[in-house]
Amino acid sequence: MQFHIFTRNWWKNNPSWPNGLEPHAGRKTTLGYADTQDEARAMCKEYNSTHKPGRLSKKAEFES
């Protein structure tokens, strides 16, 4: 089984929502692929530790 590692935003700007943010699972942007779940977790952990999520909470995730 191969794992797809990607980033996406969890919020979108919307001035009519509190704090100007609306919950929204954004488009997936591929970072790479891993052969094992441990490799996928490590790739996400490395990305998330070296990139600030910012206002829209952009984070790395994976799926099989």
N, C-alpha and C. Protein backbone atom coordinates (compact mmCIF):
# COMPACT_ATOMS: atom_id res chain seq x y z
N MET A 1 0.84 -1.17 0.00
CA MET A 1 0.00 0.00 0.00
C MET A 1 0.89 1.24 0.00
N GLN A 2 0.51 2.22 -0.77
CA GLN A 2 1.27 3.46 -0.83
C GLN A 2 0.45 4.58 -0.18
N PHE A 3 1.16 5.50 0.47
CA PHE A 3 0.52 6.61 1.16
C PHE A 3 0.80 7.92 0.44
N HIS A 4 -0.24 8.70 0.27
CA HIS A 4 -0.18 10.00 -0.41
C HIS A 4 -0.02 11.08 0.67
N ILE A 5 1.08 11.85 0.61
CA ILE A 5 1.33 12.92 1.56
C ILE A 5 1.01 14.24 0.86
N PHE A 6 0.25 15.09 1.55
CA PHE A 6 -0.20 16.34 0.94
C PHE A 6 -0.39 17.41 2.00
N THR A 7 -0.53 18.65 1.54
CA THR A 7 -0.89 19.76 2.42
C THR A 7 -2.24 20.30 1.98
N ARG A 8 -2.89 20.96 2.93
CA ARG A 8 -4.11 21.70 2.60
C ARG A 8 -4.43 22.66 3.75
N ASN A 9 -5.19 23.67 3.42
CA ASN A 9 -5.66 24.64 4.41
C ASN A 9 -6.93 24.11 5.06
N TRP A 10 -7.13 24.46 6.32
CA TRP A 10 -8.34 24.04 7.04
C TRP A 10 -9.33 25.17 7.25
N TRP A 11 -8.98 26.38 6.82
CA TRP A 11 -9.86 27.54 6.93
C TRP A 11 -9.79 28.33 5.63
N LYS A 12 -10.82 29.13 5.39
CA LYS A 12 -10.76 30.09 4.29
C LYS A 12 -11.24 31.43 4.82
N ASN A 13 -10.75 32.49 4.21
CA ASN A 13 -11.14 33.84 4.60
C ASN A 13 -12.60 34.08 4.24
N ASN A 14 -13.34 34.60 5.21
CA ASN A 14 -14.74 34.96 4.98
C ASN A 14 -15.09 36.03 6.02
N PRO A 15 -15.16 37.29 5.61
CA PRO A 15 -15.38 38.38 6.56
C PRO A 15 -16.68 38.28 7.36
N SER A 16 -17.67 37.52 6.87
CA SER A 16 -18.94 37.42 7.59
C SER A 16 -18.91 36.37 8.72
N TRP A 17 -17.83 35.63 8.85
CA TRP A 17 -17.67 34.65 9.92
C TRP A 17 -16.88 35.26 11.07
N PRO A 18 -17.05 34.71 12.29
CA PRO A 18 -16.25 35.20 13.42
C PRO A 18 -14.76 35.10 13.12
N ASN A 19 -14.01 36.12 13.50
CA ASN A 19 -12.57 36.21 13.23
C ASN A 19 -12.22 36.22 11.74
N GLY A 20 -13.22 36.31 10.87
CA GLY A 20 -12.98 36.37 9.43
C GLY A 20 -12.57 35.04 8.82
N LEU A 21 -12.79 33.92 9.55
CA LEU A 21 -12.39 32.60 9.05
C LEU A 21 -13.56 31.64 9.05
N GLU A 22 -13.72 30.93 7.95
CA GLU A 22 -14.77 29.91 7.82
C GLU A 22 -14.10 28.54 7.72
N PRO A 23 -14.60 27.52 8.45
CA PRO A 23 -14.02 26.17 8.31
C PRO A 23 -14.12 25.70 6.86
N HIS A 24 -13.03 25.15 6.35
CA HIS A 24 -13.02 24.73 4.95
C HIS A 24 -11.80 23.83 4.70
N ALA A 25 -12.05 22.58 4.37
CA ALA A 25 -10.96 21.67 3.98
C ALA A 25 -10.60 21.99 2.53
N GLY A 26 -9.44 22.60 2.33
CA GLY A 26 -9.04 23.08 1.02
C GLY A 26 -8.52 21.99 0.08
N ARG A 27 -8.09 22.43 -1.07
CA ARG A 27 -7.55 21.53 -2.11
C ARG A 27 -6.25 20.90 -1.63
N LYS A 28 -6.07 19.65 -1.94
CA LYS A 28 -4.85 18.92 -1.57
C LYS A 28 -3.73 19.23 -2.55
N THR A 29 -2.55 19.53 -2.00
CA THR A 29 -1.35 19.76 -2.81
C THR A 29 -0.34 18.69 -2.44
N THR A 30 0.03 17.85 -3.40
CA THR A 30 0.90 16.70 -3.14
C THR A 30 2.31 17.11 -2.76
N LEU A 31 2.80 16.48 -1.67
CA LEU A 31 4.21 16.63 -1.27
C LEU A 31 5.01 15.42 -1.73
N GLY A 32 4.39 14.25 -1.74
CA GLY A 32 5.10 13.05 -2.15
C GLY A 32 4.33 11.79 -1.77
N TYR A 33 5.04 10.67 -1.80
CA TYR A 33 4.45 9.37 -1.49
C TYR A 33 5.38 8.60 -0.58
N ALA A 34 4.80 7.70 0.21
CA ALA A 34 5.58 6.86 1.11
C ALA A 34 5.09 5.43 1.01
N ASP A 35 5.99 4.49 1.26
CA ASP A 35 5.62 3.08 1.18
C ASP A 35 5.02 2.55 2.48
N THR A 36 5.35 3.17 3.61
CA THR A 36 4.83 2.71 4.90
C THR A 36 4.16 3.85 5.64
N GLN A 37 3.32 3.49 6.59
CA GLN A 37 2.65 4.49 7.40
C GLN A 37 3.66 5.26 8.26
N ASP A 38 4.69 4.58 8.75
CA ASP A 38 5.72 5.25 9.55
C ASP A 38 6.46 6.31 8.72
N GLU A 39 6.77 6.00 7.47
CA GLU A 39 7.42 6.98 6.59
C GLU A 39 6.49 8.17 6.34
N ALA A 40 5.21 7.89 6.13
CA ALA A 40 4.24 8.96 5.89
C ALA A 40 4.14 9.87 7.11
N ARG A 41 4.06 9.28 8.29
CA ARG A 41 4.00 10.08 9.52
C ARG A 41 5.25 10.94 9.68
N ALA A 42 6.41 10.35 9.39
CA ALA A 42 7.67 11.09 9.52
C ALA A 42 7.72 12.27 8.55
N MET A 43 7.26 12.06 7.33
CA MET A 43 7.26 13.15 6.34
C MET A 43 6.33 14.28 6.79
N CYS A 44 5.16 13.93 7.31
CA CYS A 44 4.23 14.95 7.79
C CYS A 44 4.81 15.68 9.00
N LYS A 45 5.39 14.94 9.91
CA LYS A 45 5.97 15.54 11.11
C LYS A 45 7.09 16.51 10.74
N GLU A 46 7.94 16.12 9.79
CA GLU A 46 9.03 17.00 9.36
C GLU A 46 8.49 18.27 8.72
N TYR A 47 7.53 18.12 7.81
CA TYR A 47 6.95 19.31 7.15
C TYR A 47 6.32 20.24 8.19
N ASN A 48 5.50 19.67 9.06
CA ASN A 48 4.77 20.50 10.02
C ASN A 48 5.70 21.16 11.04
N SER A 49 6.86 20.56 11.29
CA SER A 49 7.79 21.17 12.25
C SER A 49 8.64 22.27 11.61
N THR A 50 8.68 22.31 10.28
CA THR A 50 9.51 23.31 9.60
C THR A 50 8.69 24.36 8.85
N HIS A 51 7.37 24.26 8.90
CA HIS A 51 6.50 25.22 8.22
C HIS A 51 5.41 25.67 9.20
N LYS A 52 5.29 26.98 9.35
CA LYS A 52 4.23 27.51 10.21
C LYS A 52 2.88 27.36 9.50
N PRO A 53 1.85 26.93 10.23
CA PRO A 53 0.55 26.71 9.59
C PRO A 53 -0.13 27.99 9.11
N GLY A 54 0.23 29.12 9.69
CA GLY A 54 -0.34 30.38 9.26
C GLY A 54 -1.81 30.53 9.62
N ARG A 55 -2.37 31.62 9.16
CA ARG A 55 -3.76 31.98 9.48
C ARG A 55 -4.76 30.91 9.02
N LEU A 56 -4.49 30.28 7.89
CA LEU A 56 -5.44 29.30 7.33
C LEU A 56 -5.15 27.87 7.77
N SER A 57 -4.20 27.69 8.67
CA SER A 57 -3.85 26.40 9.26
C SER A 57 -3.48 25.35 8.20
N LYS A 58 -2.49 25.68 7.37
CA LYS A 58 -2.01 24.76 6.35
C LYS A 58 -1.11 23.72 7.00
N LYS A 59 -1.46 22.45 6.85
CA LYS A 59 -0.72 21.35 7.48
C LYS A 59 -0.57 20.17 6.53
N ALA A 60 0.47 19.37 6.80
CA ALA A 60 0.67 18.14 6.02
C ALA A 60 -0.14 17.02 6.63
N GLU A 61 -0.67 16.16 5.75
CA GLU A 61 -1.45 15.00 6.15
C GLU A 61 -1.12 13.87 5.19
N PHE A 62 -1.68 12.70 5.47
CA PHE A 62 -1.52 11.60 4.53
C PHE A 62 -2.77 10.74 4.49
N GLU A 63 -2.90 10.00 3.39
CA GLU A 63 -4.00 9.05 3.21
C GLU A 63 -3.48 7.85 2.42
N SER A 64 -4.15 6.74 2.60
CA SER A 64 -3.71 5.53 1.85
C SER A 64 -4.39 5.46 0.52
